[in-house]
Amino acid sequence: MMDYLASMYIDDEMDLGEKRQFVEMVHDDDEFYNLTVDLLDQEQRLRQLPALLPQPAAEQRWRPPLRHVLANLIRPFGFAAAGFAAAVLMVNTISFNPPSSPNSNRFVLFEPAADRVELTGSFTGWERVAMQRLGNSGYWELRLPVPAGEHRFAYILNGEKRMADPTLPAVERDDFGGENSILNVEVRI
C-alpha cells in the first residue's frame, strides 16, 4: 500500500487533500519516509535514461488521478443505460400501434450498431427473416402474420448474436443455451 501511495504522489495522481495526507504520513513514519525517498531517487534515475522510458520525456502527458479515469470509463455506461431505457419506452409506445392488417404483428428492435437484424421463431419454422432498418434511427422493423397461440422467437444480430426481445418480460432458455422471448397472440376478430 505504501508503494502505491508513493507512486501516486510521484506521478501526481493525487488531489491536494490526498497530497496533504501523504506528506503527513511521510513526516510521521520514518520507514515510509525512507521508502518514498528511495522511490523518488529511482524515478530520477529512470528519467535520466530516456532509452528506458516507453515514450520520450517531452511527449509524456499528465495522467489524471485514478478516480477520474474510472469516472470517465463508467460514465458512458450510464448514458448507454439511459439511452436503452428511453429506447425501450419508445419501442413499447411504437409497438402498440395497431398492425396494418388483422393478422399481422409488428416487431421492432433498437440496435443502432447492427448491420443486419433477423427474426426467427416458431411462427417462421425457425427460418431467419430479415428485418428492415428504419432510416438512420437505429430501429429495425418487421411485420409478419403470426397465428393465435403461444410462440417463441429471438432476434439475430449480424448473423450470429442471438438475443431475446428486450421489451417482452417472458423469456425462457432453449436447449442450446440461448434465450427466446415468449409471445402470446390472441384470436383477432
N, C-alpha and C. Protein backbone atom coordinates (compact mmCIF):
# COMPACT_ATOMS: atom_id res chain seq x y z
N MET A 1 0.84 -1.20 0.00
CA MET A 1 0.00 0.00 0.00
C MET A 1 0.87 1.25 0.00
N MET A 2 1.96 1.19 0.78
CA MET A 2 2.85 2.35 0.86
C MET A 2 3.48 2.64 -0.50
N ASP A 3 3.90 1.57 -1.21
CA ASP A 3 4.48 1.75 -2.55
C ASP A 3 3.48 2.43 -3.48
N TYR A 4 2.24 2.00 -3.39
CA TYR A 4 1.19 2.54 -4.25
C TYR A 4 0.98 4.04 -3.98
N LEU A 5 0.91 4.42 -2.70
CA LEU A 5 0.72 5.84 -2.35
C LEU A 5 1.90 6.67 -2.82
N ALA A 6 3.12 6.16 -2.60
CA ALA A 6 4.31 6.90 -3.04
C ALA A 6 4.31 7.05 -4.55
N SER A 7 3.94 5.99 -5.27
CA SER A 7 3.88 6.06 -6.74
C SER A 7 2.84 7.07 -7.20
N MET A 8 1.68 7.09 -6.55
CA MET A 8 0.65 8.06 -6.92
C MET A 8 1.14 9.49 -6.68
N TYR A 9 1.88 9.70 -5.59
CA TYR A 9 2.40 11.03 -5.30
C TYR A 9 3.43 11.44 -6.34
N ILE A 10 4.34 10.53 -6.65
CA ILE A 10 5.39 10.82 -7.64
C ILE A 10 4.78 11.11 -9.00
N ASP A 11 3.75 10.36 -9.37
CA ASP A 11 3.12 10.52 -10.69
C ASP A 11 2.06 11.61 -10.71
N ASP A 12 1.94 12.36 -9.61
CA ASP A 12 0.99 13.47 -9.50
C ASP A 12 -0.44 13.01 -9.77
N GLU A 13 -0.82 11.90 -9.14
CA GLU A 13 -2.15 11.34 -9.31
C GLU A 13 -3.03 11.58 -8.08
N MET A 14 -2.67 12.55 -7.26
CA MET A 14 -3.44 12.85 -6.05
C MET A 14 -3.95 14.28 -6.12
N ASP A 15 -5.10 14.50 -5.49
CA ASP A 15 -5.57 15.88 -5.37
C ASP A 15 -4.86 16.51 -4.16
N LEU A 16 -5.11 17.78 -3.90
CA LEU A 16 -4.37 18.48 -2.84
C LEU A 16 -4.63 17.88 -1.46
N GLY A 17 -5.84 17.47 -1.17
CA GLY A 17 -6.14 16.85 0.12
C GLY A 17 -5.39 15.54 0.30
N GLU A 18 -5.33 14.73 -0.76
CA GLU A 18 -4.61 13.47 -0.69
C GLU A 18 -3.11 13.70 -0.54
N LYS A 19 -2.59 14.74 -1.22
CA LYS A 19 -1.17 15.07 -1.09
C LYS A 19 -0.85 15.49 0.34
N ARG A 20 -1.74 16.26 0.96
CA ARG A 20 -1.52 16.70 2.34
C ARG A 20 -1.45 15.50 3.28
N GLN A 21 -2.39 14.56 3.14
CA GLN A 21 -2.38 13.35 3.96
C GLN A 21 -1.10 12.54 3.73
N PHE A 22 -0.67 12.49 2.48
CA PHE A 22 0.54 11.76 2.15
C PHE A 22 1.76 12.38 2.85
N VAL A 23 1.89 13.69 2.76
CA VAL A 23 3.02 14.37 3.38
C VAL A 23 3.01 14.16 4.90
N GLU A 24 1.82 14.20 5.50
CA GLU A 24 1.73 13.96 6.95
C GLU A 24 2.17 12.53 7.29
N MET A 25 1.79 11.55 6.45
CA MET A 25 2.21 10.17 6.68
C MET A 25 3.72 10.03 6.57
N VAL A 26 4.31 10.67 5.56
CA VAL A 26 5.76 10.61 5.38
C VAL A 26 6.45 11.23 6.58
N HIS A 27 5.93 12.33 7.06
CA HIS A 27 6.53 13.03 8.20
C HIS A 27 6.47 12.19 9.46
N ASP A 28 5.40 11.44 9.67
CA ASP A 28 5.19 10.69 10.90
C ASP A 28 5.84 9.31 10.90
N ASP A 29 6.16 8.74 9.74
CA ASP A 29 6.63 7.35 9.65
C ASP A 29 7.99 7.33 8.96
N ASP A 30 9.06 7.06 9.74
CA ASP A 30 10.42 7.07 9.19
C ASP A 30 10.62 6.02 8.10
N GLU A 31 10.05 4.83 8.30
CA GLU A 31 10.18 3.78 7.29
C GLU A 31 9.52 4.19 5.98
N PHE A 32 8.33 4.78 6.07
CA PHE A 32 7.62 5.26 4.89
C PHE A 32 8.39 6.41 4.23
N TYR A 33 8.97 7.26 5.04
CA TYR A 33 9.79 8.37 4.52
C TYR A 33 10.95 7.81 3.70
N ASN A 34 11.66 6.83 4.24
CA ASN A 34 12.81 6.24 3.54
C ASN A 34 12.37 5.55 2.25
N LEU A 35 11.27 4.84 2.30
CA LEU A 35 10.74 4.19 1.11
C LEU A 35 10.40 5.22 0.02
N THR A 36 9.76 6.29 0.42
CA THR A 36 9.37 7.33 -0.54
C THR A 36 10.59 7.99 -1.15
N VAL A 37 11.60 8.29 -0.34
CA VAL A 37 12.84 8.91 -0.86
C VAL A 37 13.52 7.95 -1.82
N ASP A 38 13.56 6.65 -1.50
CA ASP A 38 14.15 5.66 -2.41
C ASP A 38 13.40 5.63 -3.74
N LEU A 39 12.08 5.66 -3.68
CA LEU A 39 11.29 5.67 -4.93
C LEU A 39 11.53 6.94 -5.74
N LEU A 40 11.67 8.07 -5.06
CA LEU A 40 11.97 9.33 -5.77
C LEU A 40 13.34 9.25 -6.44
N ASP A 41 14.32 8.69 -5.74
CA ASP A 41 15.66 8.52 -6.34
C ASP A 41 15.60 7.61 -7.55
N GLN A 42 14.84 6.53 -7.43
CA GLN A 42 14.69 5.60 -8.55
C GLN A 42 14.01 6.29 -9.73
N GLU A 43 12.98 7.07 -9.47
CA GLU A 43 12.28 7.80 -10.54
C GLU A 43 13.22 8.78 -11.22
N GLN A 44 14.06 9.45 -10.43
CA GLN A 44 15.01 10.41 -11.01
C GLN A 44 16.01 9.70 -11.91
N ARG A 45 16.51 8.53 -11.48
CA ARG A 45 17.45 7.77 -12.31
C ARG A 45 16.77 7.32 -13.61
N LEU A 46 15.53 6.90 -13.52
CA LEU A 46 14.82 6.47 -14.73
C LEU A 46 14.63 7.62 -15.71
N ARG A 47 14.36 8.78 -15.20
CA ARG A 47 14.16 9.94 -16.10
C ARG A 47 15.45 10.40 -16.74
N GLN A 48 16.57 10.02 -16.17
CA GLN A 48 17.86 10.38 -16.77
C GLN A 48 18.26 9.40 -17.85
N LEU A 49 17.54 8.29 -17.98
CA LEU A 49 17.83 7.28 -19.01
C LEU A 49 16.66 7.22 -19.98
N PRO A 50 16.58 8.13 -20.97
CA PRO A 50 15.43 8.19 -21.87
C PRO A 50 15.19 6.89 -22.65
N ALA A 51 16.21 6.10 -22.89
CA ALA A 51 16.03 4.87 -23.67
C ALA A 51 15.16 3.86 -22.93
N LEU A 52 15.09 3.94 -21.61
CA LEU A 52 14.29 3.00 -20.83
C LEU A 52 12.82 3.40 -20.73
N LEU A 53 12.52 4.65 -21.04
CA LEU A 53 11.15 5.12 -20.92
C LEU A 53 10.32 4.66 -22.11
N PRO A 54 9.03 4.37 -21.92
CA PRO A 54 8.19 3.93 -23.04
C PRO A 54 7.97 5.01 -24.09
N GLN A 55 8.11 6.26 -23.73
CA GLN A 55 7.97 7.36 -24.68
C GLN A 55 8.92 8.47 -24.25
N PRO A 56 9.37 9.30 -25.19
CA PRO A 56 10.29 10.39 -24.83
C PRO A 56 9.67 11.29 -23.78
N ALA A 57 10.52 11.82 -22.89
CA ALA A 57 10.04 12.65 -21.79
C ALA A 57 9.24 13.85 -22.29
N ALA A 58 9.62 14.40 -23.45
CA ALA A 58 8.92 15.57 -23.98
C ALA A 58 7.49 15.22 -24.38
N GLU A 59 7.24 13.95 -24.71
CA GLU A 59 5.91 13.56 -25.15
C GLU A 59 5.04 13.02 -24.02
N GLN A 60 5.59 12.87 -22.82
CA GLN A 60 4.78 12.36 -21.72
C GLN A 60 3.71 13.36 -21.38
N ARG A 61 2.54 12.83 -21.13
CA ARG A 61 1.41 13.69 -20.82
C ARG A 61 1.03 13.52 -19.36
N TRP A 62 0.36 14.49 -18.84
CA TRP A 62 -0.16 14.41 -17.48
C TRP A 62 -1.23 13.36 -17.44
N ARG A 63 -1.21 12.50 -16.43
CA ARG A 63 -2.21 11.46 -16.28
C ARG A 63 -3.16 11.86 -15.16
N PRO A 64 -4.45 11.81 -15.41
CA PRO A 64 -5.41 12.19 -14.38
C PRO A 64 -5.42 11.16 -13.25
N PRO A 65 -5.87 11.55 -12.06
CA PRO A 65 -5.98 10.61 -10.95
C PRO A 65 -6.88 9.43 -11.32
N LEU A 66 -6.65 8.32 -10.66
CA LEU A 66 -7.36 7.08 -10.96
C LEU A 66 -8.87 7.25 -10.87
N ARG A 67 -9.36 8.01 -9.90
CA ARG A 67 -10.81 8.16 -9.76
C ARG A 67 -11.42 8.89 -10.96
N HIS A 68 -10.65 9.81 -11.59
CA HIS A 68 -11.15 10.49 -12.79
C HIS A 68 -11.18 9.52 -13.98
N VAL A 69 -10.17 8.67 -14.07
CA VAL A 69 -10.13 7.68 -15.14
C VAL A 69 -11.32 6.74 -15.02
N LEU A 70 -11.56 6.25 -13.78
CA LEU A 70 -12.69 5.35 -13.57
C LEU A 70 -14.02 6.03 -13.86
N ALA A 71 -14.15 7.29 -13.43
CA ALA A 71 -15.40 8.02 -13.70
C ALA A 71 -15.63 8.15 -15.20
N ASN A 72 -14.57 8.43 -15.95
CA ASN A 72 -14.70 8.57 -17.40
C ASN A 72 -15.00 7.24 -18.07
N LEU A 73 -14.59 6.13 -17.46
CA LEU A 73 -14.92 4.82 -18.03
C LEU A 73 -16.35 4.41 -17.71
N ILE A 74 -16.83 4.78 -16.54
CA ILE A 74 -18.17 4.37 -16.11
C ILE A 74 -19.26 5.26 -16.70
N ARG A 75 -18.98 6.52 -16.89
CA ARG A 75 -19.99 7.48 -17.37
C ARG A 75 -20.67 7.04 -18.67
N PRO A 76 -19.94 6.54 -19.69
CA PRO A 76 -20.64 6.11 -20.92
C PRO A 76 -21.65 4.99 -20.68
N PHE A 77 -21.37 4.11 -19.70
CA PHE A 77 -22.33 3.05 -19.40
C PHE A 77 -23.63 3.63 -18.85
N GLY A 78 -23.51 4.70 -18.06
CA GLY A 78 -24.71 5.37 -17.54
C GLY A 78 -25.53 5.97 -18.68
N PHE A 79 -24.83 6.61 -19.62
CA PHE A 79 -25.53 7.18 -20.77
C PHE A 79 -26.15 6.08 -21.61
N ALA A 80 -25.43 4.97 -21.79
CA ALA A 80 -25.97 3.86 -22.58
C ALA A 80 -27.21 3.28 -21.91
N ALA A 81 -27.17 3.14 -20.58
CA ALA A 81 -28.33 2.61 -19.86
C ALA A 81 -29.53 3.54 -20.00
N ALA A 82 -29.29 4.85 -19.90
CA ALA A 82 -30.38 5.81 -20.06
C ALA A 82 -30.93 5.76 -21.49
N GLY A 83 -30.05 5.64 -22.47
CA GLY A 83 -30.50 5.53 -23.86
C GLY A 83 -31.28 4.26 -24.10
N PHE A 84 -30.83 3.16 -23.50
CA PHE A 84 -31.54 1.90 -23.64
C PHE A 84 -32.93 2.00 -23.02
N ALA A 85 -33.01 2.61 -21.84
CA ALA A 85 -34.32 2.77 -21.18
C ALA A 85 -35.25 3.62 -22.04
N ALA A 86 -34.72 4.70 -22.62
CA ALA A 86 -35.54 5.55 -23.49
C ALA A 86 -35.98 4.76 -24.72
N ALA A 87 -35.07 3.94 -25.27
CA ALA A 87 -35.41 3.15 -26.46
C ALA A 87 -36.50 2.14 -26.14
N VAL A 88 -36.41 1.50 -24.97
CA VAL A 88 -37.44 0.54 -24.58
C VAL A 88 -38.79 1.23 -24.46
N LEU A 89 -38.81 2.42 -23.86
CA LEU A 89 -40.06 3.16 -23.75
C LEU A 89 -40.61 3.52 -25.13
N MET A 90 -39.71 3.95 -26.02
CA MET A 90 -40.15 4.31 -27.37
C MET A 90 -40.67 3.08 -28.12
N VAL A 91 -39.97 1.96 -27.99
CA VAL A 91 -40.39 0.74 -28.69
C VAL A 91 -41.74 0.29 -28.16
N ASN A 92 -41.92 0.36 -26.83
CA ASN A 92 -43.21 -0.02 -26.27
C ASN A 92 -44.32 0.88 -26.79
N THR A 93 -44.05 2.16 -26.91
CA THR A 93 -45.04 3.10 -27.43
C THR A 93 -45.33 2.82 -28.91
N ILE A 94 -44.26 2.60 -29.68
CA ILE A 94 -44.41 2.35 -31.11
C ILE A 94 -45.10 1.01 -31.37
N SER A 95 -44.71 -0.03 -30.62
CA SER A 95 -45.19 -1.37 -30.93
C SER A 95 -46.67 -1.57 -30.57
N PHE A 96 -47.28 -0.64 -29.85
CA PHE A 96 -48.70 -0.80 -29.53
C PHE A 96 -49.61 -0.16 -30.56
N ASN A 97 -49.01 0.36 -31.63
CA ASN A 97 -49.84 0.85 -32.73
C ASN A 97 -50.55 -0.34 -33.36
N PRO A 98 -51.77 -0.13 -33.83
CA PRO A 98 -52.47 -1.26 -34.44
C PRO A 98 -51.74 -1.76 -35.68
N PRO A 99 -51.66 -3.07 -35.88
CA PRO A 99 -50.97 -3.60 -37.06
C PRO A 99 -51.71 -3.22 -38.34
N SER A 100 -50.97 -3.30 -39.45
CA SER A 100 -51.54 -2.86 -40.72
C SER A 100 -52.64 -3.79 -41.23
N SER A 101 -52.59 -5.07 -40.87
CA SER A 101 -53.66 -5.98 -41.25
C SER A 101 -54.07 -6.78 -40.01
N PRO A 102 -55.26 -7.34 -40.00
CA PRO A 102 -55.74 -8.02 -38.80
C PRO A 102 -54.85 -9.17 -38.34
N ASN A 103 -54.13 -9.84 -39.23
CA ASN A 103 -53.32 -10.99 -38.87
C ASN A 103 -51.82 -10.68 -38.81
N SER A 104 -51.47 -9.40 -38.81
CA SER A 104 -50.06 -9.00 -38.87
C SER A 104 -49.58 -8.52 -37.51
N ASN A 105 -48.38 -8.98 -37.10
CA ASN A 105 -47.74 -8.49 -35.89
C ASN A 105 -46.52 -7.66 -36.28
N ARG A 106 -46.29 -6.60 -35.54
CA ARG A 106 -45.15 -5.71 -35.81
C ARG A 106 -44.07 -5.98 -34.78
N PHE A 107 -42.86 -6.28 -35.25
CA PHE A 107 -41.70 -6.49 -34.39
C PHE A 107 -40.75 -5.31 -34.60
N VAL A 108 -40.33 -4.68 -33.50
CA VAL A 108 -39.45 -3.51 -33.57
C VAL A 108 -38.31 -3.73 -32.59
N LEU A 109 -37.09 -3.42 -33.04
CA LEU A 109 -35.91 -3.56 -32.19
C LEU A 109 -35.01 -2.36 -32.40
N PHE A 110 -34.46 -1.80 -31.31
CA PHE A 110 -33.50 -0.70 -31.38
C PHE A 110 -32.10 -1.29 -31.24
N GLU A 111 -31.37 -1.32 -32.33
CA GLU A 111 -29.99 -1.82 -32.37
C GLU A 111 -29.20 -0.97 -33.37
N PRO A 112 -28.79 0.25 -32.99
CA PRO A 112 -28.12 1.13 -33.95
C PRO A 112 -26.77 0.61 -34.43
N ALA A 113 -26.11 -0.25 -33.65
CA ALA A 113 -24.79 -0.75 -34.04
C ALA A 113 -24.87 -1.93 -35.01
N ALA A 114 -26.03 -2.52 -35.17
CA ALA A 114 -26.16 -3.70 -36.01
C ALA A 114 -26.14 -3.34 -37.49
N ASP A 115 -25.51 -4.19 -38.28
CA ASP A 115 -25.52 -4.04 -39.74
C ASP A 115 -26.66 -4.84 -40.36
N ARG A 116 -27.10 -5.88 -39.64
CA ARG A 116 -28.17 -6.74 -40.13
C ARG A 116 -28.90 -7.32 -38.93
N VAL A 117 -30.22 -7.34 -38.98
CA VAL A 117 -31.03 -7.94 -37.92
C VAL A 117 -32.05 -8.86 -38.57
N GLU A 118 -32.18 -10.07 -38.00
CA GLU A 118 -33.14 -11.04 -38.49
C GLU A 118 -33.98 -11.52 -37.32
N LEU A 119 -35.15 -12.03 -37.63
CA LEU A 119 -36.04 -12.59 -36.62
C LEU A 119 -36.23 -14.06 -36.96
N THR A 120 -36.23 -14.89 -35.94
CA THR A 120 -36.50 -16.31 -36.13
C THR A 120 -37.42 -16.76 -35.00
N GLY A 121 -38.31 -17.70 -35.30
CA GLY A 121 -39.23 -18.15 -34.27
C GLY A 121 -40.07 -19.32 -34.70
N SER A 122 -40.90 -19.76 -33.77
CA SER A 122 -41.76 -20.91 -34.04
C SER A 122 -42.74 -20.60 -35.17
N PHE A 123 -43.13 -19.34 -35.32
CA PHE A 123 -44.08 -18.97 -36.37
C PHE A 123 -43.42 -18.79 -37.73
N THR A 124 -42.06 -18.87 -37.81
CA THR A 124 -41.36 -18.84 -39.10
C THR A 124 -40.74 -20.20 -39.41
N GLY A 125 -41.07 -21.21 -38.59
CA GLY A 125 -40.43 -22.52 -38.75
C GLY A 125 -38.95 -22.44 -38.39
N TRP A 126 -38.58 -21.46 -37.56
CA TRP A 126 -37.21 -21.17 -37.14
C TRP A 126 -36.31 -20.77 -38.30
N GLU A 127 -36.93 -20.36 -39.41
CA GLU A 127 -36.18 -19.77 -40.51
C GLU A 127 -35.94 -18.30 -40.17
N ARG A 128 -34.81 -17.77 -40.58
CA ARG A 128 -34.49 -16.37 -40.34
C ARG A 128 -35.19 -15.49 -41.37
N VAL A 129 -35.81 -14.41 -40.87
CA VAL A 129 -36.48 -13.45 -41.74
C VAL A 129 -35.82 -12.08 -41.50
N ALA A 130 -35.36 -11.45 -42.57
CA ALA A 130 -34.65 -10.17 -42.44
C ALA A 130 -35.60 -9.06 -42.01
N MET A 131 -35.11 -8.21 -41.10
CA MET A 131 -35.86 -7.03 -40.67
C MET A 131 -35.36 -5.83 -41.47
N GLN A 132 -36.19 -4.79 -41.57
CA GLN A 132 -35.84 -3.60 -42.33
C GLN A 132 -35.36 -2.49 -41.39
N ARG A 133 -34.25 -1.85 -41.76
CA ARG A 133 -33.76 -0.71 -40.99
C ARG A 133 -34.68 0.49 -41.26
N LEU A 134 -35.04 1.22 -40.21
CA LEU A 134 -35.90 2.40 -40.36
C LEU A 134 -35.01 3.64 -40.43
N GLY A 135 -34.57 3.96 -41.63
CA GLY A 135 -33.71 5.13 -41.84
C GLY A 135 -32.42 5.02 -41.05
N ASN A 136 -32.01 6.14 -40.42
CA ASN A 136 -30.81 6.17 -39.60
C ASN A 136 -31.15 6.19 -38.11
N SER A 137 -32.36 5.80 -37.77
CA SER A 137 -32.83 5.91 -36.39
C SER A 137 -32.26 4.83 -35.46
N GLY A 138 -31.71 3.76 -36.02
CA GLY A 138 -31.23 2.65 -35.20
C GLY A 138 -32.29 1.60 -34.96
N TYR A 139 -33.52 1.85 -35.44
CA TYR A 139 -34.62 0.91 -35.25
C TYR A 139 -34.71 -0.03 -36.45
N TRP A 140 -35.13 -1.26 -36.16
CA TRP A 140 -35.37 -2.28 -37.17
C TRP A 140 -36.81 -2.73 -37.02
N GLU A 141 -37.49 -3.02 -38.15
CA GLU A 141 -38.91 -3.35 -38.11
C GLU A 141 -39.20 -4.53 -39.04
N LEU A 142 -40.23 -5.31 -38.63
CA LEU A 142 -40.72 -6.39 -39.47
C LEU A 142 -42.18 -6.63 -39.11
N ARG A 143 -43.02 -6.76 -40.13
CA ARG A 143 -44.42 -7.13 -39.92
C ARG A 143 -44.60 -8.53 -40.49
N LEU A 144 -45.15 -9.41 -39.65
CA LEU A 144 -45.35 -10.80 -40.05
C LEU A 144 -46.71 -11.28 -39.57
N PRO A 145 -47.34 -12.13 -40.33
CA PRO A 145 -48.55 -12.78 -39.81
C PRO A 145 -48.14 -13.82 -38.76
N VAL A 146 -48.78 -13.75 -37.61
CA VAL A 146 -48.50 -14.70 -36.53
C VAL A 146 -49.83 -15.28 -36.08
N PRO A 147 -49.99 -16.59 -36.17
CA PRO A 147 -51.27 -17.20 -35.77
C PRO A 147 -51.47 -17.08 -34.26
N ALA A 148 -52.71 -17.20 -33.84
CA ALA A 148 -53.04 -17.15 -32.41
C ALA A 148 -52.34 -18.29 -31.68
N GLY A 149 -51.94 -18.02 -30.45
CA GLY A 149 -51.29 -19.04 -29.63
C GLY A 149 -50.02 -18.51 -28.99
N GLU A 150 -49.31 -19.42 -28.34
CA GLU A 150 -48.06 -19.06 -27.67
C GLU A 150 -46.89 -19.44 -28.57
N HIS A 151 -45.98 -18.47 -28.78
CA HIS A 151 -44.86 -18.66 -29.70
C HIS A 151 -43.55 -18.27 -29.03
N ARG A 152 -42.44 -18.84 -29.54
CA ARG A 152 -41.08 -18.49 -29.11
C ARG A 152 -40.38 -17.83 -30.28
N PHE A 153 -39.57 -16.79 -29.97
CA PHE A 153 -38.80 -16.15 -31.03
C PHE A 153 -37.58 -15.46 -30.45
N ALA A 154 -36.65 -15.06 -31.34
CA ALA A 154 -35.45 -14.33 -30.95
C ALA A 154 -34.99 -13.50 -32.14
N TYR A 155 -34.15 -12.51 -31.85
CA TYR A 155 -33.52 -11.70 -32.89
C TYR A 155 -32.09 -12.22 -33.10
N ILE A 156 -31.60 -12.12 -34.33
CA ILE A 156 -30.23 -12.50 -34.65
C ILE A 156 -29.54 -11.23 -35.18
N LEU A 157 -28.48 -10.81 -34.49
CA LEU A 157 -27.75 -9.59 -34.87
C LEU A 157 -26.51 -9.97 -35.67
N ASN A 158 -26.34 -9.35 -36.81
CA ASN A 158 -25.17 -9.53 -37.68
C ASN A 158 -24.89 -11.00 -37.98
N GLY A 159 -25.95 -11.79 -38.08
CA GLY A 159 -25.83 -13.18 -38.48
C GLY A 159 -25.36 -14.14 -37.41
N GLU A 160 -25.05 -13.64 -36.18
CA GLU A 160 -24.52 -14.57 -35.19
C GLU A 160 -25.00 -14.34 -33.76
N LYS A 161 -25.12 -13.13 -33.31
CA LYS A 161 -25.52 -12.89 -31.91
C LYS A 161 -27.03 -13.01 -31.78
N ARG A 162 -27.44 -13.90 -30.91
CA ARG A 162 -28.87 -14.16 -30.70
C ARG A 162 -29.30 -13.45 -29.43
N MET A 163 -30.47 -12.78 -29.47
CA MET A 163 -30.97 -12.11 -28.27
C MET A 163 -32.48 -12.15 -28.21
N ALA A 164 -32.99 -12.18 -26.98
CA ALA A 164 -34.43 -12.13 -26.76
C ALA A 164 -34.91 -10.69 -26.93
N ASP A 165 -36.20 -10.52 -27.11
CA ASP A 165 -36.79 -9.18 -27.24
C ASP A 165 -36.71 -8.47 -25.89
N PRO A 166 -36.01 -7.32 -25.81
CA PRO A 166 -35.86 -6.63 -24.52
C PRO A 166 -37.16 -6.01 -24.01
N THR A 167 -38.19 -5.94 -24.84
CA THR A 167 -39.45 -5.32 -24.40
C THR A 167 -40.45 -6.34 -23.86
N LEU A 168 -40.15 -7.63 -24.01
CA LEU A 168 -41.06 -8.66 -23.52
C LEU A 168 -40.47 -9.29 -22.25
N PRO A 169 -41.23 -9.31 -21.17
CA PRO A 169 -40.70 -9.87 -19.92
C PRO A 169 -40.61 -11.40 -19.91
N ALA A 170 -41.45 -12.07 -20.70
CA ALA A 170 -41.47 -13.54 -20.67
C ALA A 170 -40.36 -14.09 -21.56
N VAL A 171 -39.40 -14.78 -20.94
CA VAL A 171 -38.24 -15.34 -21.64
C VAL A 171 -38.00 -16.74 -21.10
N GLU A 172 -37.51 -17.64 -21.96
CA GLU A 172 -37.13 -18.97 -21.49
C GLU A 172 -35.86 -19.40 -22.20
N ARG A 173 -35.08 -20.23 -21.53
CA ARG A 173 -33.86 -20.79 -22.12
C ARG A 173 -34.23 -21.91 -23.08
N ASP A 174 -33.49 -21.97 -24.19
CA ASP A 174 -33.72 -23.08 -25.11
C ASP A 174 -32.69 -24.18 -24.85
N ASP A 175 -32.75 -25.25 -25.61
CA ASP A 175 -31.86 -26.40 -25.40
C ASP A 175 -30.42 -26.13 -25.81
N PHE A 176 -30.15 -24.99 -26.44
CA PHE A 176 -28.81 -24.69 -26.93
C PHE A 176 -28.13 -23.61 -26.10
N GLY A 177 -28.70 -23.23 -24.95
CA GLY A 177 -28.09 -22.22 -24.08
C GLY A 177 -28.51 -20.80 -24.39
N GLY A 178 -29.35 -20.59 -25.39
CA GLY A 178 -29.83 -19.25 -25.72
C GLY A 178 -31.13 -18.93 -25.03
N GLU A 179 -31.63 -17.74 -25.27
CA GLU A 179 -32.90 -17.32 -24.70
C GLU A 179 -33.86 -16.96 -25.82
N ASN A 180 -35.12 -17.33 -25.63
CA ASN A 180 -36.19 -16.98 -26.56
C ASN A 180 -37.24 -16.19 -25.81
N SER A 181 -37.80 -15.20 -26.51
CA SER A 181 -38.93 -14.47 -25.95
C SER A 181 -40.19 -15.29 -26.17
N ILE A 182 -41.14 -15.13 -25.26
CA ILE A 182 -42.42 -15.82 -25.38
C ILE A 182 -43.47 -14.79 -25.76
N LEU A 183 -44.15 -15.04 -26.86
CA LEU A 183 -45.18 -14.14 -27.39
C LEU A 183 -46.51 -14.86 -27.38
N ASN A 184 -47.50 -14.25 -26.74
CA ASN A 184 -48.87 -14.78 -26.74
C ASN A 184 -49.71 -13.94 -27.68
N VAL A 185 -50.25 -14.58 -28.72
CA VAL A 185 -51.10 -13.88 -29.68
C VAL A 185 -52.53 -14.36 -29.47
N GLU A 186 -53.41 -13.40 -29.24
CA GLU A 186 -54.83 -13.74 -29.02
C GLU A 186 -55.57 -13.77 -30.34
N VAL A 187 -56.66 -14.47 -30.37
CA VAL A 187 -57.50 -14.54 -31.56
C VAL A 187 -58.04 -13.16 -31.86
N ARG A 188 -57.92 -12.73 -33.12
CA ARG A 188 -58.42 -11.43 -33.53
C ARG A 188 -59.73 -11.59 -34.30
N ILE A 189 -60.60 -10.68 -34.04
CA ILE A 189 -61.92 -10.73 -34.71
C ILE A 189 -61.99 -9.64 -35.76
